[in-house]
Structure formats: C-alpha cells, structure tokens
Amino acid sequence: MRYLTQWFKRYFSDPEVLFLTIFLLIFFAVVLTMGDMLAPVLASLVIAYLLEGLVAMIERKKVPRFAAVMVVYIGFLLFVTLLLLVVMPQLSRQLTELFQQIPLMITEGQKLLMQLPQHYPEFISPEEMQEIIGAIRQELAEFGQTVVSVSFSSFVGVITVLVYLILMPLLVFFFLKDKKLILSYLLGFFPRDRRLANTVWRDMDRQIANYVRGKFWEIVIVWGVTSFTLSIMGLQYAVLLGVLVGLSVIIPYIGAAVVTLPVILIAWFQWGWGPDFIWLTVAYFVIQILDGNVLVPLLFSEAVNLHPVAIIVAILVFGGLWGLWGVFFAIPLATLVQAIISAWPTVEALERELKS
C-alpha cells in the first residue's frame, strides 16, 4: 500500500495532472460507449479539422473567417458531389462485374493449383491439394453468405447513408463557422492553470495536423495515380483497385502488402504470365516505391517519432476498439499517449519548478 501511495504522489501530485487524467478517462469512456451514436459528430469533427488548414491558409491572406469558411465549405460540397455522382457509380459497376467474374476466377485458380502436384510431387500430393481447394471453397461460400446477408440489410444502410449526407455537411459547417465559440465553451470546463493541457495540445495539434492532412492527400494522390496508371494499361476494375490501393496507405506496412494480392491476381487472370502482366507489376511497384520514398517525405513535414512495433500495436489496439476509424487514427492516438507521457510532470520536475 505504501508503494502505491508513493506512486500516486509521484505522478498525480499536481491537480492539473489529475484533472487531465479524469478528462481523458471520461472522453475515452464516452467514445467507447457511445461511439456508434456519435459517429456522425466524430466524422464531421475530423472533416472540419481537415478543412481548418485550408480556412487558416485563406485567412492569412486577410480574408474574413466567414468568407474563408464559405469558400472552403463550397469546395468541400463540390468534392463530395463529384464522389457521389462520378466515382461511386463506377465503383458500384466495377464491384458488380468483379463479383460476376469470381466463379470464373475460381475455376482458373483451381486449374492452376491442380497442376502443382504434377510439377512438384515431392512437396504436395493431389489429395492434399484437394483438401486445400475444399477449404478455399468453404471460405468463399461463407464469404458469399456474408455478402448476401449484407445485401438484405442494405435498406438500413441506405437510410443511414442518407442521414449522414444530411447531418454531416451541417455539422461540418457549424464546426468551421463557430470554431472559436465552441473552443471557448469547452475551455470553460478546464482550470485556469492549463500548462500541462496546453503543452500536450500544442504537441498533439502539430502532430495530428501533419499526419491527418498529409494522410488525406496521400490517399487522394495514390488513388488517382494508381487508377490512372491501371486504366492506361488496360487493367479491368482499375478504379476499384485504385481506391483500394489509396485506402491501403491508412495502415502502415500491412496495407500495401494486403492490397498487392488482388492487384496481382486480377492482372494474372486477365493476361496470364505475359508481358502486360510484367509491365503492370513493375508499374505498380514503382508507384509503391515512389509513395514511400518521395510522396511521404514531401507530405509529412514532421516525422512521427514512433517505433514500428509501437505503430503496429497501436493499429491492433485502436482498430479493435473503433474499427476503421481506430485504424486511421492509430498513429495520432499513439502520439497522444506519447505526448502525455513526455509532458507528464513528476515530483522531481515539480520540485525543480518550485525552486525556480
């Protein structure tokens, strides 16, 4: 008990530290328990945060904030309209065509697998290959049942999407327009002495702004370049694959490895082991190399100082808690934890501050 008391005094002797701890616990509890209900609010807050950089850039040119908000907001609505009217119909059409081609792809893949025992009988027998094919068929059947069940509940999904399309633009507008009013209201709940909170917020604002906005533009650029390249080379489902490759940058290390498989498989089913397949594979890996070695250093002005193991653990933990949103914000949330730990005052720091 004495050690526990000493540990508590060591790390929670400052009232501001205790308040920040309670605030963070309440925040995470609300997100965990009411995350689904507050999803439109959280998503709108993220979008407003993304757009705030553009608003601030226009404001620096001596433009009133309301005018800057209106310019950025109208651009945001045009971008969403473009996605809904141009991109989404193509995605839907290509996804439907892909599902229609899956049985043919399975047949071709089965023929290829059945040739392996003939060429490499010392490694695999026909009976073992039949077992593997049977397991693959079972997994595909379960996946098909899942798709059918999702299609039956699509009506509810359509209603949800419609609600989001109405609520989120309104929330984004008010978050942008009334930013100062909302922040002043929230700061009223904090104590007057907010040195620790201000330190954590400055560090986090710099890190999150750099990461989230950079990651957004990385998704858009990789998506556009990949879709254009695959379309020029004549690959089927180029827009759909481009979207997948663009979204794959959300998950460091893992996303690129996972999305490579459908790109290579679809190219092989379309062309076989021909020169078109080789050139497309080369072009795809060139895009991946340029993304990691050119685009990322240009977009991310400040490196995220996290070990790869910490990044992977953060993706697993926060992704398990909040799904796709948790995966997207895994690195900023891990950076938040790191910023709090770095700024957390101990007894020695407090004593040095009092002496000074």
Protein backbone atom coordinates (compact mmCIF):
# COMPACT_ATOMS: atom_id res chain seq x y z
CA MET A 1 0.00 0.00 0.00
CA ARG A 2 2.89 2.35 0.80
CA TYR A 3 4.40 1.82 -2.67
CA LEU A 4 1.03 2.52 -4.29
CA THR A 5 0.70 5.75 -2.29
CA GLN A 6 4.21 6.82 -3.28
CA TRP A 7 3.49 6.05 -6.94
CA PHE A 8 0.27 8.08 -6.82
CA LYS A 9 2.02 11.06 -5.21
CA ARG A 10 4.83 10.79 -7.71
CA TYR A 11 2.63 11.06 -10.81
CA PHE A 12 -0.62 12.69 -9.58
CA SER A 13 0.60 15.27 -7.07
CA ASP A 14 -0.32 18.12 -9.44
CA PRO A 15 -4.11 18.92 -9.51
CA GLU A 16 -3.82 19.75 -13.22
CA VAL A 17 -2.48 16.25 -13.88
CA LEU A 18 -5.39 14.73 -12.00
CA PHE A 19 -7.89 16.85 -13.94
CA LEU A 20 -6.33 15.93 -17.29
CA THR A 21 -6.45 12.23 -16.32
CA ILE A 22 -10.14 12.43 -15.42
CA PHE A 23 -10.91 14.32 -18.63
CA LEU A 24 -9.15 11.72 -20.80
CA LEU A 25 -10.88 8.85 -18.99
CA ILE A 26 -14.29 10.47 -19.50
CA PHE A 27 -13.52 11.17 -23.16
CA PHE A 28 -12.46 7.59 -23.92
CA ALA A 29 -15.43 6.21 -21.94
CA VAL A 30 -17.86 8.32 -23.98
CA VAL A 31 -16.27 7.27 -27.27
CA LEU A 32 -16.25 3.59 -26.29
CA THR A 33 -19.83 3.51 -25.03
CA MET A 34 -21.50 5.94 -27.44
CA GLY A 35 -19.15 5.82 -30.41
CA ASP A 36 -21.79 4.43 -32.78
CA MET A 37 -24.35 7.09 -31.85
CA LEU A 38 -21.78 9.88 -32.07
CA ALA A 39 -20.22 8.60 -35.31
CA PRO A 40 -21.65 11.45 -37.48
CA VAL A 41 -20.38 14.02 -34.97
CA LEU A 42 -16.91 12.47 -34.74
CA ALA A 43 -16.66 12.07 -38.53
CA SER A 44 -17.78 15.69 -39.04
CA LEU A 45 -15.25 16.85 -36.48
CA VAL A 46 -12.49 15.05 -38.37
CA ILE A 47 -13.57 16.57 -41.70
CA ALA A 48 -13.75 20.05 -40.13
CA TYR A 49 -10.26 19.54 -38.75
CA LEU A 50 -9.04 18.61 -42.23
CA LEU A 51 -10.66 21.70 -43.75
CA GLU A 52 -9.44 24.04 -41.00
CA GLY A 53 -5.98 24.09 -42.56
CA LEU A 54 -7.40 25.49 -45.81
CA VAL A 55 -9.51 28.03 -43.90
CA ALA A 56 -6.47 29.22 -41.94
CA MET A 57 -4.44 29.49 -45.16
CA ILE A 58 -7.10 31.73 -46.73
CA GLU A 59 -7.40 33.77 -43.52
CA ARG A 60 -3.68 34.53 -43.65
CA LYS A 61 -4.41 36.42 -46.89
CA LYS A 62 -6.51 38.96 -44.92
CA VAL A 63 -9.82 37.30 -45.85
CA PRO A 64 -12.55 37.37 -43.15
CA ARG A 65 -13.09 33.99 -41.50
CA PHE A 66 -16.71 33.63 -42.59
CA ALA A 67 -15.79 34.23 -46.24
CA ALA A 68 -12.90 31.77 -45.95
CA VAL A 69 -15.23 29.19 -44.37
CA MET A 70 -17.76 29.61 -47.18
CA VAL A 71 -15.12 29.19 -49.91
CA VAL A 72 -13.70 26.02 -48.33
CA TYR A 73 -17.14 24.66 -47.49
CA ILE A 74 -18.43 25.09 -51.06
CA GLY A 75 -15.30 23.36 -52.34
CA PHE A 76 -15.93 20.52 -49.90
CA LEU A 77 -19.53 20.13 -51.12
CA LEU A 78 -18.37 20.06 -54.75
CA PHE A 79 -15.79 17.37 -53.89
CA VAL A 80 -18.44 15.22 -52.16
CA THR A 81 -20.82 15.71 -55.10
CA LEU A 82 -18.08 14.61 -57.51
CA LEU A 83 -17.51 11.47 -55.44
CA LEU A 84 -21.22 10.62 -55.30
CA LEU A 85 -22.09 11.31 -58.93
CA VAL A 86 -18.91 10.27 -60.77
CA VAL A 87 -16.77 7.93 -58.66
CA MET A 88 -19.39 5.94 -56.73
CA PRO A 89 -21.32 4.73 -59.84
CA GLN A 90 -18.06 3.46 -61.37
CA LEU A 91 -17.11 1.72 -58.13
CA SER A 92 -20.52 0.08 -57.90
CA ARG A 93 -20.40 -1.08 -61.52
CA GLN A 94 -16.88 -2.48 -61.27
CA LEU A 95 -17.62 -4.19 -57.96
CA THR A 96 -20.68 -5.88 -59.51
CA GLU A 97 -18.65 -7.02 -62.52
CA LEU A 98 -15.93 -8.37 -60.22
CA PHE A 99 -18.42 -10.47 -58.23
CA GLN A 100 -19.79 -11.83 -61.50
CA GLN A 101 -16.28 -12.87 -62.59
CA ILE A 102 -15.35 -14.55 -59.29
CA PRO A 103 -16.67 -18.05 -60.28
CA LEU A 104 -14.56 -17.97 -63.47
CA MET A 105 -11.52 -16.80 -61.49
CA ILE A 106 -12.04 -19.63 -59.00
CA THR A 107 -12.15 -22.17 -61.84
CA GLU A 108 -8.94 -20.80 -63.37
CA GLY A 109 -7.25 -20.75 -59.99
CA GLN A 110 -8.30 -24.34 -59.32
CA LYS A 111 -6.77 -25.46 -62.62
CA LEU A 112 -3.51 -23.75 -61.70
CA LEU A 113 -3.44 -25.31 -58.23
CA MET A 114 -4.13 -28.80 -59.61
CA GLN A 115 -1.01 -28.50 -61.76
CA LEU A 116 1.22 -28.10 -58.70
CA PRO A 117 1.20 -31.81 -57.69
CA GLN A 118 2.24 -32.72 -61.22
CA HIS A 119 5.22 -30.35 -61.23
CA TYR A 120 6.20 -30.67 -57.56
CA PRO A 121 5.04 -34.13 -56.37
CA GLU A 122 7.73 -34.23 -53.68
CA PHE A 123 6.19 -31.21 -51.93
CA ILE A 124 2.44 -31.76 -52.30
CA SER A 125 0.17 -34.64 -53.27
CA PRO A 126 -3.13 -34.48 -55.22
CA GLU A 127 -5.05 -35.43 -52.06
CA GLU A 128 -3.51 -32.56 -50.09
CA MET A 129 -4.28 -30.16 -52.91
CA GLN A 130 -7.92 -31.33 -52.95
CA GLU A 131 -8.12 -30.57 -49.24
CA ILE A 132 -6.71 -27.10 -49.81
CA ILE A 133 -9.17 -26.42 -52.63
CA GLY A 134 -12.04 -27.66 -50.46
CA ALA A 135 -11.02 -25.31 -47.64
CA ILE A 136 -10.83 -22.39 -50.08
CA ARG A 137 -14.29 -23.20 -51.44
CA GLN A 138 -15.71 -23.32 -47.92
CA GLU A 139 -14.21 -19.93 -47.07
CA LEU A 140 -15.58 -18.44 -50.30
CA ALA A 141 -19.02 -19.90 -49.59
CA GLU A 142 -19.04 -18.31 -46.13
CA PHE A 143 -17.93 -15.03 -47.66
CA GLY A 144 -20.76 -15.24 -50.19
CA GLN A 145 -23.30 -15.81 -47.41
CA THR A 146 -21.94 -12.76 -45.64
CA VAL A 147 -22.33 -10.66 -48.79
CA VAL A 148 -25.92 -11.86 -49.21
CA SER A 149 -26.78 -11.05 -45.59
CA VAL A 150 -25.29 -7.59 -46.03
CA SER A 151 -27.35 -7.06 -49.18
CA PHE A 152 -30.55 -7.91 -47.28
CA SER A 153 -29.74 -5.25 -44.70
CA SER A 154 -28.78 -2.72 -47.35
CA PHE A 155 -32.03 -0.80 -46.88
CA VAL A 156 -31.00 0.15 -43.36
CA GLY A 157 -27.58 1.07 -44.70
CA VAL A 158 -29.15 3.35 -47.33
CA ILE A 159 -31.18 5.13 -44.64
CA THR A 160 -28.02 5.56 -42.55
CA VAL A 161 -26.11 6.98 -45.51
CA LEU A 162 -28.93 9.43 -46.21
CA VAL A 163 -28.91 10.60 -42.61
CA TYR A 164 -25.12 11.05 -42.79
CA LEU A 165 -25.42 13.01 -46.04
CA ILE A 166 -27.82 15.43 -44.35
CA LEU A 167 -26.30 15.72 -40.88
CA MET A 168 -22.58 15.70 -41.61
CA PRO A 169 -22.44 18.69 -44.01
CA LEU A 170 -24.42 20.75 -41.48
CA LEU A 171 -22.14 19.69 -38.62
CA VAL A 172 -19.01 20.42 -40.66
CA PHE A 173 -20.29 23.92 -41.47
CA PHE A 174 -21.06 24.79 -37.85
CA PHE A 175 -17.78 23.31 -36.59
CA LEU A 176 -15.92 25.58 -39.03
CA LYS A 177 -18.03 28.70 -38.56
CA ASP A 178 -18.27 28.55 -34.76
CA LYS A 179 -14.83 27.16 -34.00
CA LYS A 180 -13.85 29.90 -31.55
CA LEU A 181 -17.22 29.81 -29.81
CA ILE A 182 -17.07 26.01 -29.35
CA LEU A 183 -13.47 26.09 -28.13
CA SER A 184 -14.16 28.88 -25.63
CA TYR A 185 -17.13 26.94 -24.29
CA LEU A 186 -15.10 23.75 -23.85
CA LEU A 187 -12.18 25.59 -22.26
CA GLY A 188 -14.59 26.87 -19.64
CA PHE A 189 -14.57 23.39 -18.09
CA PHE A 190 -10.79 23.42 -17.69
CA PRO A 191 -8.96 25.01 -14.76
CA ARG A 192 -7.29 28.37 -15.30
CA ASP A 193 -3.85 26.85 -14.96
CA ARG A 194 -3.67 24.77 -18.14
CA ARG A 195 0.08 24.50 -18.67
CA LEU A 196 0.12 20.71 -19.00
CA ALA A 197 -3.00 20.63 -21.18
CA ASN A 198 -1.59 23.40 -23.40
CA THR A 199 1.73 21.55 -23.75
CA VAL A 200 0.00 18.31 -24.72
CA TRP A 201 -2.39 20.13 -27.08
CA ARG A 202 0.37 22.04 -28.91
CA ASP A 203 2.34 18.86 -29.45
CA MET A 204 -0.75 16.92 -30.50
CA ASP A 205 -2.13 19.64 -32.76
CA ARG A 206 1.16 19.79 -34.65
CA GLN A 207 1.44 16.01 -34.93
CA ILE A 208 -2.22 15.33 -35.80
CA ALA A 209 -2.45 18.19 -38.29
CA ASN A 210 0.67 16.94 -40.05
CA TYR A 211 -0.45 13.32 -40.02
CA VAL A 212 -4.18 13.54 -40.81
CA ARG A 213 -3.96 16.15 -43.54
CA GLY A 214 -0.87 14.53 -45.02
CA LYS A 215 -2.53 11.12 -44.94
CA PHE A 216 -5.65 12.50 -46.65
CA TRP A 217 -3.64 13.93 -49.53
CA GLU A 218 -1.57 10.76 -49.73
CA ILE A 219 -4.78 8.72 -50.14
CA VAL A 220 -6.09 11.04 -52.86
CA ILE A 221 -2.79 11.17 -54.80
CA VAL A 222 -2.08 7.43 -54.61
CA TRP A 223 -5.69 6.65 -55.52
CA GLY A 224 -5.64 8.99 -58.55
CA VAL A 225 -2.22 7.94 -59.84
CA THR A 226 -2.93 4.22 -59.40
CA SER A 227 -6.37 4.42 -61.06
CA PHE A 228 -4.94 6.41 -63.99
CA THR A 229 -1.98 4.06 -64.44
CA LEU A 230 -4.06 0.89 -64.29
CA SER A 231 -6.64 2.38 -66.67
CA ILE A 232 -3.97 3.41 -69.19
CA MET A 233 -2.51 -0.11 -69.09
CA GLY A 234 -5.96 -1.62 -69.71
CA LEU A 235 -6.46 -3.47 -66.43
CA GLN A 236 -10.03 -4.31 -65.51
CA TYR A 237 -11.54 -2.77 -62.35
CA ALA A 238 -8.89 -0.03 -62.41
CA VAL A 239 -10.99 2.50 -60.44
CA LEU A 240 -11.92 -0.07 -57.79
CA LEU A 241 -8.32 -1.24 -57.38
CA GLY A 242 -7.13 2.37 -57.30
CA VAL A 243 -9.46 3.09 -54.38
CA LEU A 244 -8.20 0.00 -52.55
CA VAL A 245 -4.56 0.99 -53.10
CA GLY A 246 -5.30 4.53 -51.95
CA LEU A 247 -7.03 3.37 -48.77
CA SER A 248 -4.24 0.89 -48.08
CA VAL A 249 -1.90 3.73 -47.08
CA ILE A 250 -4.01 4.17 -43.93
CA ILE A 251 -2.42 1.03 -42.46
CA PRO A 252 1.39 1.33 -42.48
CA TYR A 253 3.38 -1.73 -43.59
CA ILE A 254 0.33 -4.03 -43.62
CA GLY A 255 -1.97 -2.20 -46.06
CA ALA A 256 0.41 -2.21 -49.01
CA ALA A 257 1.15 -5.92 -48.57
CA VAL A 258 -2.53 -6.88 -48.36
CA VAL A 259 -3.75 -4.82 -51.33
CA THR A 260 -0.94 -6.11 -53.59
CA LEU A 261 -2.58 -9.54 -53.74
CA PRO A 262 -5.85 -8.53 -55.53
CA VAL A 263 -3.95 -6.29 -57.96
CA ILE A 264 -1.55 -9.08 -58.96
CA LEU A 265 -4.29 -11.74 -59.08
CA ILE A 266 -6.65 -9.70 -61.27
CA ALA A 267 -3.76 -8.85 -63.64
CA TRP A 268 -2.81 -12.54 -63.84
CA PHE A 269 -6.40 -13.67 -64.50
CA GLN A 270 -6.68 -11.07 -67.26
CA TRP A 271 -3.31 -11.55 -69.02
CA GLY A 272 -1.58 -14.61 -67.61
CA TRP A 273 2.24 -14.62 -67.47
CA GLY A 274 2.56 -12.27 -70.45
CA PRO A 275 4.45 -9.00 -70.93
CA ASP A 276 1.35 -6.97 -69.99
CA PHE A 277 1.34 -8.66 -66.59
CA ILE A 278 5.05 -7.96 -66.08
CA TRP A 279 4.78 -4.29 -67.09
CA LEU A 280 1.77 -3.72 -64.86
CA THR A 281 3.53 -5.37 -61.92
CA VAL A 282 6.56 -3.16 -62.46
CA ALA A 283 4.40 -0.03 -62.70
CA TYR A 284 2.51 -0.96 -59.54
CA PHE A 285 5.68 -1.48 -57.50
CA VAL A 286 7.14 1.77 -58.88
CA ILE A 287 4.06 3.58 -57.51
CA GLN A 288 4.56 1.91 -54.13
CA ILE A 289 8.26 2.86 -54.07
CA LEU A 290 7.55 6.48 -55.05
CA ASP A 291 4.84 6.69 -52.40
CA GLY A 292 7.11 5.51 -49.61
CA ASN A 293 10.30 7.32 -50.64
CA VAL A 294 9.11 10.53 -52.35
CA LEU A 295 5.48 11.33 -51.55
CA VAL A 296 5.53 10.57 -47.83
CA PRO A 297 8.62 12.75 -47.08
CA LEU A 298 7.05 15.61 -49.06
CA LEU A 299 3.64 15.44 -47.37
CA PHE A 300 4.72 14.74 -43.81
CA SER A 301 6.83 17.69 -42.76
CA GLU A 302 7.39 16.18 -39.32
CA ALA A 303 8.22 12.53 -38.83
CA VAL A 304 6.14 10.57 -36.36
CA ASN A 305 8.66 9.52 -33.74
CA LEU A 306 7.23 6.07 -33.04
CA HIS A 307 8.91 2.69 -33.29
CA PRO A 308 7.39 0.33 -35.94
CA VAL A 309 6.42 -2.10 -33.18
CA ALA A 310 4.55 0.70 -31.39
CA ILE A 311 2.77 1.60 -34.63
CA ILE A 312 1.64 -1.99 -35.25
CA VAL A 313 0.47 -2.40 -31.64
CA ALA A 314 -1.45 0.88 -31.87
CA ILE A 315 -3.15 -0.27 -35.08
CA LEU A 316 -4.20 -3.56 -33.46
CA VAL A 317 -5.43 -1.96 -30.24
CA PHE A 318 -7.28 1.07 -31.58
CA GLY A 319 -8.50 -0.80 -34.65
CA GLY A 320 -10.01 -3.43 -32.36
CA LEU A 321 -11.71 -0.71 -30.33
CA TRP A 322 -13.04 1.59 -33.08
CA GLY A 323 -12.74 -0.32 -36.35
CA LEU A 324 -11.70 1.70 -39.42
CA TRP A 325 -11.64 4.99 -37.52
CA GLY A 326 -9.36 3.42 -34.94
CA VAL A 327 -7.02 2.18 -37.68
CA PHE A 328 -6.92 5.61 -39.31
CA PHE A 329 -6.22 7.42 -36.03
CA ALA A 330 -4.00 4.74 -34.51
CA ILE A 331 -0.81 6.73 -35.05
CA PRO A 332 -2.24 10.09 -33.84
CA LEU A 333 -3.69 8.37 -30.76
CA ALA A 334 -0.37 6.67 -30.08
CA THR A 335 1.28 10.06 -30.49
CA LEU A 336 -1.22 11.46 -27.95
CA VAL A 337 -0.17 8.80 -25.46
CA GLN A 338 3.49 9.58 -26.14
CA ALA A 339 2.89 13.35 -25.76
CA ILE A 340 1.10 12.86 -22.43
CA ILE A 341 3.88 10.63 -21.12
CA SER A 342 6.54 13.11 -22.22
CA ALA A 343 4.73 16.11 -20.71
CA TRP A 344 3.65 14.32 -17.51
CA PRO A 345 5.30 16.08 -14.56
CA THR A 346 6.88 14.00 -11.82
CA VAL A 347 7.69 15.00 -8.28
CA GLU A 348 11.27 15.89 -9.26
CA ALA A 349 10.05 18.17 -12.06
CA LEU A 350 7.56 19.86 -9.74
CA GLU A 351 10.24 20.40 -7.11
CA ARG A 352 12.58 21.93 -9.70
CA GLU A 353 9.76 24.20 -10.85
CA LEU A 354 9.01 25.33 -7.28
CA LYS A 355 12.71 26.04 -6.59
CA SER A 356 12.98 28.14 -9.72
